[in-house]
Each structure stands twice: as C-alpha cells, then as structure tokens.
C-alpha cells in the first residue's frame, strides 16, 4: 500500500471522527489526470438509476468539482460496507498516481454510526426544481 493511502488510513484509525478522503484529478507530478471524465466513471461504478432514469450516486463515492479540480469524495465507511469496491478505488489511486487528501469529519459530513446518513431531500424534484 502506498505511503499516502496508508497514512490516511492510519490517521482515520487514530481519529475516528474522520469520515472521508478526497481523490483529486491531479497526478503526483502535478499533471491534470486524463480522461477528463474519470471522476464520473469512477463514481458510476457504485451508482444506480432512479425510476426517472437519472443517475443516483452512492453516498460512499461522490463526484465533485472542488476548487476547480475534478475530484471524488470517498467515505471511509465504504471499506466496511463493500471491501471489494474500496479496494478497487484504492488500486485506481495507486495505479494512476493520484493526489489524495483528507476530507470532512463525521459531523461535517452528516454521518452517524458506521455508515453515512443519506438525505433524500437533495433528490426531491420539487426541492431541486428539476
């Protein structure tokens, strides 16, 4: 396991309040990672489709644009919920030499217990004006 991921996992063990880490679309040598839709492809691996055909991303793996950089937020609870998926994500980071950093704490992320809280409000068409 690369030092960077091992350090993050160790830090998570030492600080159980840490809920997630962020995979940034930048390689360790500072280059923008290609293909440009990598973050959507990775997040699609755990997504489902709603009755209306829209993509419903898993709360464990969320594509986000963070400070202008395509990123994927990964919940540490994915390691317990689906160890194989967590290993797939870990290998993706290692093989592609991507930069990772710590994410939000459990309180900031709205997680309770071992698994994150899912808020269906953000998927409600009336509240989001779809």
N, C-alpha and C. Protein backbone atom coordinates (compact mmCIF):
# COMPACT_ATOMS: atom_id res chain seq x y z
N UNK A 1 0.85 -1.18 0.00
CA UNK A 1 0.00 0.00 0.00
C UNK A 1 0.89 1.24 0.00
N UNK A 2 0.64 2.18 -0.88
CA UNK A 2 1.46 3.39 -0.92
C UNK A 2 1.39 4.14 0.41
N UNK A 3 2.47 4.86 0.69
CA UNK A 3 2.58 5.57 1.95
C UNK A 3 1.43 6.55 2.18
N UNK A 4 1.02 7.28 1.14
CA UNK A 4 0.00 8.30 1.29
C UNK A 4 -1.35 7.71 1.73
N UNK A 5 -1.77 6.62 1.11
CA UNK A 5 -3.03 5.98 1.47
C UNK A 5 -2.91 5.35 2.85
N UNK A 6 -1.78 4.71 3.12
CA UNK A 6 -1.56 4.11 4.43
C UNK A 6 -1.62 5.17 5.53
N UNK A 7 -1.02 6.33 5.30
CA UNK A 7 -1.06 7.41 6.28
C UNK A 7 -2.49 7.88 6.53
N UNK A 8 -3.27 7.99 5.45
CA UNK A 8 -4.67 8.40 5.61
C UNK A 8 -5.46 7.38 6.42
N UNK A 9 -5.26 6.10 6.11
CA UNK A 9 -5.98 5.06 6.85
C UNK A 9 -5.53 5.01 8.30
N UNK A 10 -4.23 5.20 8.55
CA UNK A 10 -3.73 5.26 9.93
C UNK A 10 -4.33 6.45 10.66
N UNK A 11 -4.40 7.58 9.97
CA UNK A 11 -4.97 8.78 10.58
C UNK A 11 -6.44 8.56 10.91
N UNK A 12 -7.14 7.86 10.03
CA UNK A 12 -8.55 7.55 10.27
C UNK A 12 -8.68 6.68 11.50
N UNK A 13 -7.78 5.71 11.67
CA UNK A 13 -7.82 4.85 12.85
C UNK A 13 -7.54 5.64 14.12
N UNK A 14 -6.64 6.60 14.04
CA UNK A 14 -6.29 7.42 15.20
C UNK A 14 -7.37 8.46 15.48
N UNK A 15 -8.06 8.90 14.46
CA UNK A 15 -9.10 9.92 14.60
C UNK A 15 -10.39 9.38 14.00
N UNK A 16 -11.18 8.66 14.81
CA UNK A 16 -12.40 8.06 14.27
C UNK A 16 -13.42 9.07 13.77
N UNK A 17 -13.18 10.36 14.03
CA UNK A 17 -14.10 11.38 13.54
C UNK A 17 -13.94 11.67 12.05
N UNK A 18 -12.84 11.23 11.46
CA UNK A 18 -12.60 11.47 10.04
C UNK A 18 -13.54 10.57 9.23
N UNK A 19 -14.34 11.17 8.34
CA UNK A 19 -15.37 10.42 7.61
C UNK A 19 -14.98 10.08 6.18
N UNK A 20 -14.10 10.89 5.57
CA UNK A 20 -13.87 10.71 4.14
C UNK A 20 -12.50 11.21 3.72
N UNK A 21 -12.13 10.81 2.49
CA UNK A 21 -10.94 11.38 1.87
C UNK A 21 -11.31 11.78 0.45
N UNK A 22 -10.48 12.62 -0.14
CA UNK A 22 -10.76 13.18 -1.46
C UNK A 22 -9.68 12.76 -2.44
N UNK A 23 -10.10 12.18 -3.56
CA UNK A 23 -9.18 11.86 -4.65
C UNK A 23 -9.24 13.05 -5.60
N UNK A 24 -8.11 13.69 -5.82
CA UNK A 24 -8.08 14.85 -6.71
C UNK A 24 -7.64 14.43 -8.10
N UNK A 25 -8.11 15.13 -9.11
CA UNK A 25 -7.80 14.83 -10.50
C UNK A 25 -6.46 15.36 -10.94
N UNK A 26 -5.48 15.21 -10.07
CA UNK A 26 -4.11 15.67 -10.33
C UNK A 26 -3.17 14.52 -9.99
N UNK A 27 -2.21 14.27 -10.87
CA UNK A 27 -1.23 13.22 -10.58
C UNK A 27 -0.16 13.78 -9.64
N UNK A 28 0.61 12.89 -9.05
CA UNK A 28 1.64 13.32 -8.11
C UNK A 28 2.71 14.19 -8.74
N UNK A 29 2.83 14.14 -10.07
CA UNK A 29 3.80 15.01 -10.74
C UNK A 29 3.17 16.33 -11.19
N UNK A 30 1.91 16.59 -10.73
CA UNK A 30 1.27 17.88 -10.97
C UNK A 30 0.47 17.99 -12.27
N UNK A 31 0.36 16.91 -13.03
CA UNK A 31 -0.38 16.93 -14.29
C UNK A 31 -1.87 16.69 -14.04
N UNK A 32 -2.72 17.28 -14.90
CA UNK A 32 -4.15 17.02 -14.84
C UNK A 32 -4.38 15.59 -15.31
N UNK A 33 -5.14 14.83 -14.55
CA UNK A 33 -5.39 13.42 -14.89
C UNK A 33 -6.39 13.33 -16.04
N UNK A 34 -6.11 12.47 -16.99
CA UNK A 34 -6.97 12.21 -18.13
C UNK A 34 -7.42 10.76 -18.11
N UNK A 35 -8.58 10.40 -18.58
CA UNK A 35 -9.52 11.20 -19.35
C UNK A 35 -10.25 12.20 -18.46
N UNK A 36 -10.81 13.20 -19.06
CA UNK A 36 -11.41 14.30 -18.31
C UNK A 36 -12.65 13.88 -17.52
N UNK A 37 -13.28 12.78 -17.87
CA UNK A 37 -14.48 12.33 -17.14
C UNK A 37 -14.18 11.16 -16.19
N UNK A 38 -12.92 11.00 -15.79
CA UNK A 38 -12.53 9.90 -14.90
C UNK A 38 -13.37 9.88 -13.62
N UNK A 39 -13.66 11.06 -13.08
CA UNK A 39 -14.37 11.16 -11.81
C UNK A 39 -15.80 10.65 -11.92
N UNK A 40 -16.44 10.88 -13.05
CA UNK A 40 -17.78 10.36 -13.26
C UNK A 40 -17.74 8.86 -13.48
N UNK A 41 -16.77 8.39 -14.24
CA UNK A 41 -16.64 6.95 -14.49
C UNK A 41 -16.42 6.18 -13.19
N UNK A 42 -15.53 6.69 -12.34
CA UNK A 42 -15.25 6.02 -11.07
C UNK A 42 -16.51 6.01 -10.20
N UNK A 43 -17.19 7.13 -10.09
CA UNK A 43 -18.41 7.22 -9.28
C UNK A 43 -19.54 6.38 -9.84
N UNK A 44 -19.59 6.23 -11.16
CA UNK A 44 -20.62 5.39 -11.79
C UNK A 44 -20.51 3.93 -11.38
N UNK A 45 -19.32 3.52 -10.95
CA UNK A 45 -19.14 2.11 -10.58
C UNK A 45 -20.01 1.70 -9.39
N UNK A 46 -20.45 2.66 -8.57
CA UNK A 46 -21.34 2.35 -7.44
C UNK A 46 -22.69 3.04 -7.56
N UNK A 47 -22.97 3.64 -8.70
CA UNK A 47 -24.24 4.37 -8.84
C UNK A 47 -25.36 3.44 -9.29
N UNK A 48 -26.57 3.95 -9.17
CA UNK A 48 -27.77 3.25 -9.66
C UNK A 48 -28.58 4.25 -10.48
N UNK A 49 -29.64 3.78 -11.07
CA UNK A 49 -30.54 4.65 -11.83
C UNK A 49 -31.88 4.71 -11.11
N UNK A 50 -32.40 5.91 -10.99
CA UNK A 50 -33.72 6.09 -10.40
C UNK A 50 -34.80 5.70 -11.38
N UNK A 51 -36.04 5.72 -10.93
CA UNK A 51 -37.17 5.37 -11.80
C UNK A 51 -37.27 6.33 -12.98
N UNK A 52 -36.80 7.55 -12.79
CA UNK A 52 -36.85 8.52 -13.87
C UNK A 52 -35.63 8.45 -14.78
N UNK A 53 -34.74 7.49 -14.52
CA UNK A 53 -33.57 7.30 -15.37
C UNK A 53 -32.35 8.12 -14.97
N UNK A 54 -32.50 8.96 -13.96
CA UNK A 54 -31.37 9.78 -13.51
C UNK A 54 -30.38 8.94 -12.71
N UNK A 55 -29.12 9.33 -12.80
CA UNK A 55 -28.08 8.64 -12.04
C UNK A 55 -28.20 9.03 -10.57
N UNK A 56 -28.19 8.04 -9.70
CA UNK A 56 -28.19 8.26 -8.25
C UNK A 56 -26.84 7.78 -7.73
N UNK A 57 -25.97 8.71 -7.41
CA UNK A 57 -24.64 8.34 -6.94
C UNK A 57 -24.70 7.79 -5.52
N UNK A 58 -23.87 6.83 -5.25
CA UNK A 58 -23.75 6.27 -3.91
C UNK A 58 -23.21 7.32 -2.97
N UNK A 59 -23.65 7.29 -1.72
CA UNK A 59 -23.12 8.24 -0.74
C UNK A 59 -21.68 7.90 -0.37
N UNK A 60 -21.22 6.73 -0.77
CA UNK A 60 -19.84 6.32 -0.47
C UNK A 60 -18.83 6.90 -1.46
N UNK A 61 -19.28 7.24 -2.65
CA UNK A 61 -18.38 7.66 -3.74
C UNK A 61 -19.08 8.76 -4.54
N UNK A 62 -18.69 10.01 -4.28
CA UNK A 62 -19.38 11.14 -4.90
C UNK A 62 -18.45 11.97 -5.78
N UNK A 63 -18.82 12.18 -7.05
CA UNK A 63 -18.01 13.05 -7.90
C UNK A 63 -18.31 14.51 -7.55
N UNK A 64 -17.28 15.32 -7.43
CA UNK A 64 -17.45 16.74 -7.10
C UNK A 64 -16.36 17.55 -7.77
N UNK A 65 -16.71 18.79 -8.07
CA UNK A 65 -15.72 19.75 -8.53
C UNK A 65 -15.31 20.54 -7.29
N UNK A 66 -14.06 20.40 -6.87
CA UNK A 66 -13.58 21.07 -5.67
C UNK A 66 -12.47 22.04 -6.07
N UNK A 67 -12.73 23.32 -5.87
CA UNK A 67 -11.80 24.38 -6.24
C UNK A 67 -11.31 24.23 -7.68
N UNK A 68 -12.24 23.93 -8.57
CA UNK A 68 -11.94 23.83 -9.98
C UNK A 68 -11.27 22.53 -10.41
N UNK A 69 -11.12 21.59 -9.49
CA UNK A 69 -10.47 20.32 -9.80
C UNK A 69 -11.47 19.18 -9.72
N UNK A 70 -11.63 18.38 -10.78
CA UNK A 70 -12.50 17.20 -10.69
C UNK A 70 -11.97 16.29 -9.58
N UNK A 71 -12.87 15.89 -8.68
CA UNK A 71 -12.48 15.09 -7.53
C UNK A 71 -13.56 14.07 -7.22
N UNK A 72 -13.19 13.08 -6.42
CA UNK A 72 -14.16 12.10 -5.92
C UNK A 72 -13.99 12.03 -4.41
N UNK A 73 -15.10 12.21 -3.71
CA UNK A 73 -15.10 12.11 -2.26
C UNK A 73 -15.45 10.66 -1.91
N UNK A 74 -14.59 10.02 -1.12
CA UNK A 74 -14.76 8.61 -0.77
C UNK A 74 -14.98 8.52 0.74
N UNK A 75 -16.09 7.91 1.14
CA UNK A 75 -16.36 7.69 2.56
C UNK A 75 -15.56 6.49 3.04
N UNK A 76 -14.92 6.64 4.20
CA UNK A 76 -14.17 5.53 4.78
C UNK A 76 -15.08 4.34 5.08
N UNK A 77 -16.35 4.59 5.33
CA UNK A 77 -17.29 3.51 5.65
C UNK A 77 -17.49 2.56 4.47
N UNK A 78 -17.05 2.94 3.28
CA UNK A 78 -17.10 2.03 2.13
C UNK A 78 -16.26 0.78 2.39
N UNK A 79 -15.17 0.92 3.13
CA UNK A 79 -14.30 -0.22 3.43
C UNK A 79 -15.05 -1.31 4.20
N UNK A 80 -16.00 -0.91 5.05
CA UNK A 80 -16.81 -1.89 5.79
C UNK A 80 -17.99 -2.37 4.98
N UNK A 81 -18.63 -1.44 4.27
CA UNK A 81 -19.84 -1.78 3.51
C UNK A 81 -19.54 -2.66 2.30
N UNK A 82 -18.44 -2.36 1.60
CA UNK A 82 -18.08 -3.10 0.39
C UNK A 82 -16.56 -3.10 0.23
N UNK A 83 -15.87 -4.03 0.90
CA UNK A 83 -14.41 -4.07 0.85
C UNK A 83 -13.83 -4.17 -0.56
N UNK A 84 -14.51 -4.88 -1.45
CA UNK A 84 -14.01 -5.01 -2.82
C UNK A 84 -14.07 -3.68 -3.56
N UNK A 85 -15.12 -2.94 -3.36
CA UNK A 85 -15.23 -1.62 -4.00
C UNK A 85 -14.17 -0.67 -3.45
N UNK A 86 -13.93 -0.74 -2.14
CA UNK A 86 -12.91 0.11 -1.54
C UNK A 86 -11.54 -0.24 -2.11
N UNK A 87 -11.28 -1.52 -2.28
CA UNK A 87 -10.00 -1.95 -2.85
C UNK A 87 -9.87 -1.49 -4.31
N UNK A 88 -10.97 -1.52 -5.06
CA UNK A 88 -10.96 -1.03 -6.44
C UNK A 88 -10.57 0.45 -6.48
N UNK A 89 -11.15 1.24 -5.58
CA UNK A 89 -10.83 2.66 -5.50
C UNK A 89 -9.37 2.86 -5.12
N UNK A 90 -8.92 2.10 -4.12
CA UNK A 90 -7.53 2.21 -3.67
C UNK A 90 -6.56 1.89 -4.81
N UNK A 91 -6.83 0.83 -5.55
CA UNK A 91 -5.97 0.46 -6.67
C UNK A 91 -6.00 1.52 -7.78
N UNK A 92 -7.15 2.11 -8.01
CA UNK A 92 -7.26 3.17 -9.01
C UNK A 92 -6.33 4.33 -8.65
N UNK A 93 -6.32 4.71 -7.39
CA UNK A 93 -5.45 5.80 -6.92
C UNK A 93 -3.99 5.42 -7.10
N UNK A 94 -3.64 4.21 -6.71
CA UNK A 94 -2.25 3.75 -6.77
C UNK A 94 -1.76 3.67 -8.22
N UNK A 95 -2.52 3.03 -9.07
CA UNK A 95 -2.11 2.82 -10.47
C UNK A 95 -1.95 4.14 -11.21
N UNK A 96 -2.83 5.09 -10.92
CA UNK A 96 -2.82 6.36 -11.64
C UNK A 96 -2.05 7.47 -10.94
N UNK A 97 -1.43 7.15 -9.80
CA UNK A 97 -0.58 8.10 -9.06
C UNK A 97 -1.32 9.40 -8.76
N UNK A 98 -2.57 9.27 -8.25
CA UNK A 98 -3.38 10.45 -7.99
C UNK A 98 -3.11 11.02 -6.59
N UNK A 99 -3.35 12.31 -6.47
CA UNK A 99 -3.19 13.01 -5.19
C UNK A 99 -4.45 12.79 -4.37
N UNK A 100 -4.28 12.48 -3.08
CA UNK A 100 -5.42 12.35 -2.18
C UNK A 100 -5.17 13.24 -0.97
N UNK A 101 -6.27 13.63 -0.32
CA UNK A 101 -6.17 14.43 0.90
C UNK A 101 -7.33 14.07 1.81
N UNK A 102 -7.25 14.48 3.05
CA UNK A 102 -8.34 14.21 3.99
C UNK A 102 -9.56 15.02 3.60
N UNK A 103 -10.70 14.52 3.98
CA UNK A 103 -11.96 15.20 3.71
C UNK A 103 -12.58 15.72 4.99
N UNK A 104 -13.89 15.67 5.05
CA UNK A 104 -14.62 16.21 6.19
C UNK A 104 -14.64 15.22 7.36
N UNK A 105 -14.97 15.76 8.53
CA UNK A 105 -15.16 14.92 9.71
C UNK A 105 -16.56 14.31 9.62
N UNK A 106 -16.83 13.37 10.51
CA UNK A 106 -18.14 12.73 10.52
C UNK A 106 -19.25 13.75 10.77
N UNK A 107 -19.01 14.70 11.67
CA UNK A 107 -20.03 15.70 11.96
C UNK A 107 -20.28 16.60 10.75
N UNK A 108 -19.22 17.03 10.10
CA UNK A 108 -19.35 17.88 8.91
C UNK A 108 -20.04 17.14 7.77
N UNK A 109 -19.77 15.84 7.66
CA UNK A 109 -20.32 15.04 6.57
C UNK A 109 -21.73 14.53 6.86
N UNK A 110 -22.19 14.70 8.09
CA UNK A 110 -23.53 14.25 8.44
C UNK A 110 -23.63 12.75 8.62
N UNK A 111 -22.52 12.10 8.98
CA UNK A 111 -22.52 10.65 9.15
C UNK A 111 -22.86 10.29 10.59
N UNK A 112 -23.59 9.21 10.76
CA UNK A 112 -23.89 8.69 12.09
C UNK A 112 -23.61 7.21 12.09
N UNK A 113 -23.13 6.69 13.18
CA UNK A 113 -22.83 5.27 13.26
C UNK A 113 -21.73 4.89 12.28
N UNK A 114 -21.78 3.66 11.78
CA UNK A 114 -20.74 3.17 10.88
C UNK A 114 -20.95 3.63 9.44
N UNK A 115 -22.18 4.03 9.10
CA UNK A 115 -22.47 4.37 7.73
C UNK A 115 -23.00 5.80 7.63
N UNK A 116 -22.78 6.47 6.53
CA UNK A 116 -23.22 7.86 6.39
C UNK A 116 -24.74 7.97 6.27
N UNK A 117 -25.23 9.10 6.66
CA UNK A 117 -26.65 9.38 6.54
C UNK A 117 -26.94 9.80 5.11
N UNK A 118 -28.00 9.25 4.56
CA UNK A 118 -28.43 9.66 3.22
C UNK A 118 -29.62 10.59 3.36
N UNK A 119 -29.53 11.72 2.74
CA UNK A 119 -30.63 12.67 2.75
C UNK A 119 -31.32 12.61 1.39
N UNK A 120 -32.54 12.17 1.37
CA UNK A 120 -33.26 12.06 0.11
C UNK A 120 -33.77 13.42 -0.35
N UNK A 121 -33.70 14.43 0.54
CA UNK A 121 -34.18 15.76 0.16
C UNK A 121 -33.49 16.27 -1.09
N UNK A 122 -32.19 15.99 -1.22
CA UNK A 122 -31.48 16.53 -2.37
C UNK A 122 -31.88 15.85 -3.67
N UNK A 123 -32.64 14.75 -3.57
CA UNK A 123 -33.10 14.07 -4.78
C UNK A 123 -34.57 14.35 -5.05
N UNK A 124 -35.18 15.18 -4.23
CA UNK A 124 -36.58 15.53 -4.38
C UNK A 124 -36.74 16.56 -5.49
N UNK A 125 -37.41 16.22 -6.59
CA UNK A 125 -37.53 17.14 -7.74
C UNK A 125 -38.14 18.48 -7.36
N UNK A 126 -39.09 18.51 -6.43
CA UNK A 126 -39.73 19.78 -6.08
C UNK A 126 -38.75 20.71 -5.35
N UNK A 127 -37.90 20.16 -4.51
CA UNK A 127 -36.95 21.00 -3.77
C UNK A 127 -35.80 21.45 -4.65
N UNK A 128 -35.46 20.65 -5.64
CA UNK A 128 -34.33 20.98 -6.51
C UNK A 128 -34.77 21.60 -7.83
N UNK A 129 -36.07 21.80 -8.00
CA UNK A 129 -36.62 22.43 -9.21
C UNK A 129 -36.18 21.70 -10.49
N UNK A 130 -36.31 20.39 -10.50
CA UNK A 130 -35.94 19.63 -11.70
C UNK A 130 -37.01 19.76 -12.74
